[in-house]
Amino acid sequence: MNSSITDYLNSGPELSMGERAVSVVGGLMLAAAGTQPRPNMFLSALAVAAGSYLAYRGATGYCPLKAAIADSGIVDDSRGEIAPGAI
């Protein structure tokens, strides 16, 4: 499992076509669910915001969170593993 995480993080901040498709579809579904009337307006607004971000992330193909993790030094690029003591 460790190798799949590091492979994902080492792939750069750009998303693959599969990641983009899942992000757009999931984001649109989450945003649509958030627009339904609910008693808790905060959770509805949170769902719309999170769904909108996911749809934007999928449409642009760039993930700033993935870029921040790659720039933070958590992943040791020379070995392709999570750096000791990083987590």
C-alpha atoms as a PDB file:
ATOM      1  CA  MET A   1       0.000   0.000   0.000  1.00  0.00           C
ATOM      2  CA  ASN A   2       2.882   2.351   0.709  1.00  0.00           C
ATOM      3  CA  SER A   3       4.045   2.176  -2.890  1.00  0.00           C
ATOM      4  CA  SER A   4       0.635   3.136  -4.270  1.00  0.00           C
ATOM      5  CA  ILE A   5       0.531   6.244  -2.065  1.00  0.00           C
ATOM      6  CA  THR A   6       4.026   7.301  -3.049  1.00  0.00           C
ATOM      7  CA  ASP A   7       3.348   6.582  -6.718  1.00  0.00           C
ATOM      8  CA  TYR A   8       0.316   8.849  -6.510  1.00  0.00           C
ATOM      9  CA  LEU A   9       2.216  11.626  -4.748  1.00  0.00           C
ATOM     10  CA  ASN A  10       5.234  11.355  -7.056  1.00  0.00           C
ATOM     11  CA  SER A  11       3.099  11.687 -10.174  1.00  0.00           C
ATOM     12  CA  GLY A  12       3.040  15.487  -9.809  1.00  0.00           C
ATOM     13  CA  PRO A  13       0.164  17.857  -9.167  1.00  0.00           C
ATOM     14  CA  GLU A  14      -1.432  17.083 -12.524  1.00  0.00           C
ATOM     15  CA  LEU A  15      -4.294  14.609 -12.481  1.00  0.00           C
ATOM     16  CA  SER A  16      -4.695  11.627 -14.786  1.00  0.00           C
ATOM     17  CA  MET A  17      -7.756  11.399 -17.016  1.00  0.00           C
ATOM     18  CA  GLY A  18      -9.338   8.862 -14.650  1.00  0.00           C
ATOM     19  CA  GLU A  19      -8.784  11.085 -11.620  1.00  0.00           C
ATOM     20  CA  ARG A  20     -10.204  14.043 -13.534  1.00  0.00           C
ATOM     21  CA  ALA A  21     -13.326  12.142 -14.567  1.00  0.00           C
ATOM     22  CA  VAL A  22     -14.008  10.833 -11.060  1.00  0.00           C
ATOM     23  CA  SER A  23     -13.407  14.284  -9.599  1.00  0.00           C
ATOM     24  CA  VAL A  24     -15.791  16.034 -12.002  1.00  0.00           C
ATOM     25  CA  VAL A  25     -18.582  13.458 -11.671  1.00  0.00           C
ATOM     26  CA  GLY A  26     -18.234  13.168  -7.892  1.00  0.00           C
ATOM     27  CA  GLY A  27     -18.019  16.924  -7.477  1.00  0.00           C
ATOM     28  CA  LEU A  28     -21.117  17.573  -9.548  1.00  0.00           C
ATOM     29  CA  MET A  29     -23.044  14.908  -7.650  1.00  0.00           C
ATOM     30  CA  LEU A  30     -21.965  16.345  -4.296  1.00  0.00           C
ATOM     31  CA  ALA A  31     -22.814  19.908  -5.338  1.00  0.00           C
ATOM     32  CA  ALA A  32     -26.210  18.787  -6.638  1.00  0.00           C
ATOM     33  CA  ALA A  33     -26.923  16.959  -3.375  1.00  0.00           C
ATOM     34  CA  GLY A  34     -25.965  20.090  -1.457  1.00  0.00           C
ATOM     35  CA  THR A  35     -28.545  22.182  -3.304  1.00  0.00           C
ATOM     36  CA  GLN A  36     -31.411  20.037  -2.011  1.00  0.00           C
ATOM     37  CA  PRO A  37     -33.359  21.579   0.889  1.00  0.00           C
ATOM     38  CA  ARG A  38     -32.006  20.356   4.207  1.00  0.00           C
ATOM     39  CA  PRO A  39     -32.531  21.436   7.805  1.00  0.00           C
ATOM     40  CA  ASN A  40     -28.814  22.133   8.282  1.00  0.00           C
ATOM     41  CA  MET A  41     -27.852  24.990   5.942  1.00  0.00           C
ATOM     42  CA  PHE A  42     -24.172  24.800   6.959  1.00  0.00           C
ATOM     43  CA  LEU A  43     -23.790  21.214   5.746  1.00  0.00           C
ATOM     44  CA  SER A  44     -25.589  22.070   2.510  1.00  0.00           C
ATOM     45  CA  ALA A  45     -23.244  25.003   1.887  1.00  0.00           C
ATOM     46  CA  LEU A  46     -20.251  22.814   2.738  1.00  0.00           C
ATOM     47  CA  ALA A  47     -21.405  20.144   0.270  1.00  0.00           C
ATOM     48  CA  VAL A  48     -21.864  22.744  -2.488  1.00  0.00           C
ATOM     49  CA  ALA A  49     -18.425  24.234  -1.794  1.00  0.00           C
ATOM     50  CA  ALA A  50     -16.647  20.866  -1.682  1.00  0.00           C
ATOM     51  CA  GLY A  51     -18.461  19.627  -4.789  1.00  0.00           C
ATOM     52  CA  SER A  52     -17.620  22.813  -6.665  1.00  0.00           C
ATOM     53  CA  TYR A  53     -13.948  22.476  -5.733  1.00  0.00           C
ATOM     54  CA  LEU A  54     -13.856  18.851  -6.882  1.00  0.00           C
ATOM     55  CA  ALA A  55     -15.511  19.735 -10.192  1.00  0.00           C
ATOM     56  CA  TYR A  56     -13.049  22.617 -10.705  1.00  0.00           C
ATOM     57  CA  ARG A  57     -10.121  20.343  -9.821  1.00  0.00           C
ATOM     58  CA  GLY A  58     -11.267  17.780 -12.356  1.00  0.00           C
ATOM     59  CA  ALA A  59     -11.941  20.357 -15.063  1.00  0.00           C
ATOM     60  CA  THR A  60      -8.514  22.001 -14.735  1.00  0.00           C
ATOM     61  CA  GLY A  61      -6.561  18.814 -14.050  1.00  0.00           C
ATOM     62  CA  TYR A  62      -4.473  20.495 -11.361  1.00  0.00           C
ATOM     63  CA  CYS A  63      -4.604  19.703  -7.654  1.00  0.00           C
ATOM     64  CA  PRO A  64      -3.091  22.347  -5.353  1.00  0.00           C
ATOM     65  CA  LEU A  65      -3.297  19.967  -2.370  1.00  0.00           C
ATOM     66  CA  LYS A  66      -1.261  17.361  -4.236  1.00  0.00           C
ATOM     67  CA  ALA A  67       1.247  20.074  -5.194  1.00  0.00           C
ATOM     68  CA  ALA A  68       1.532  21.246  -1.580  1.00  0.00           C
ATOM     69  CA  ILE A  69       2.211  17.701  -0.356  1.00  0.00           C
ATOM     70  CA  ALA A  70       4.856  17.214  -3.044  1.00  0.00           C
ATOM     71  CA  ASP A  71       6.549  20.516  -2.124  1.00  0.00           C
ATOM     72  CA  SER A  72       6.459  19.861   1.634  1.00  0.00           C
ATOM     73  CA  GLY A  73       9.126  17.156   1.584  1.00  0.00           C
ATOM     74  CA  ILE A  74       6.862  14.423   2.916  1.00  0.00           C
ATOM     75  CA  VAL A  75       7.804  12.253  -0.071  1.00  0.00           C
ATOM     76  CA  ASP A  76      11.476  11.484  -0.593  1.00  0.00           C
ATOM     77  CA  ASP A  77      11.862  11.854  -4.363  1.00  0.00           C
ATOM     78  CA  SER A  78      15.141   9.961  -4.521  1.00  0.00           C
ATOM     79  CA  ARG A  79      13.621   6.766  -3.138  1.00  0.00           C
ATOM     80  CA  GLY A  80       9.954   7.286  -3.977  1.00  0.00           C
ATOM     81  CA  GLU A  81       8.973   6.578  -0.384  1.00  0.00           C
ATOM     82  CA  ILE A  82       7.462   8.557   2.420  1.00  0.00           C
ATOM     83  CA  ALA A  83      10.346  10.281   4.199  1.00  0.00           C
ATOM     84  CA  PRO A  84      11.128   8.927   7.692  1.00  0.00           C
ATOM     85  CA  GLY A  85       9.558  11.059  10.391  1.00  0.00           C
ATOM     86  CA  ALA A  86       7.461  13.021   7.865  1.00  0.00           C
ATOM     87  CA  ILE A  87       4.161  11.791   9.203  1.00  0.00           C
END
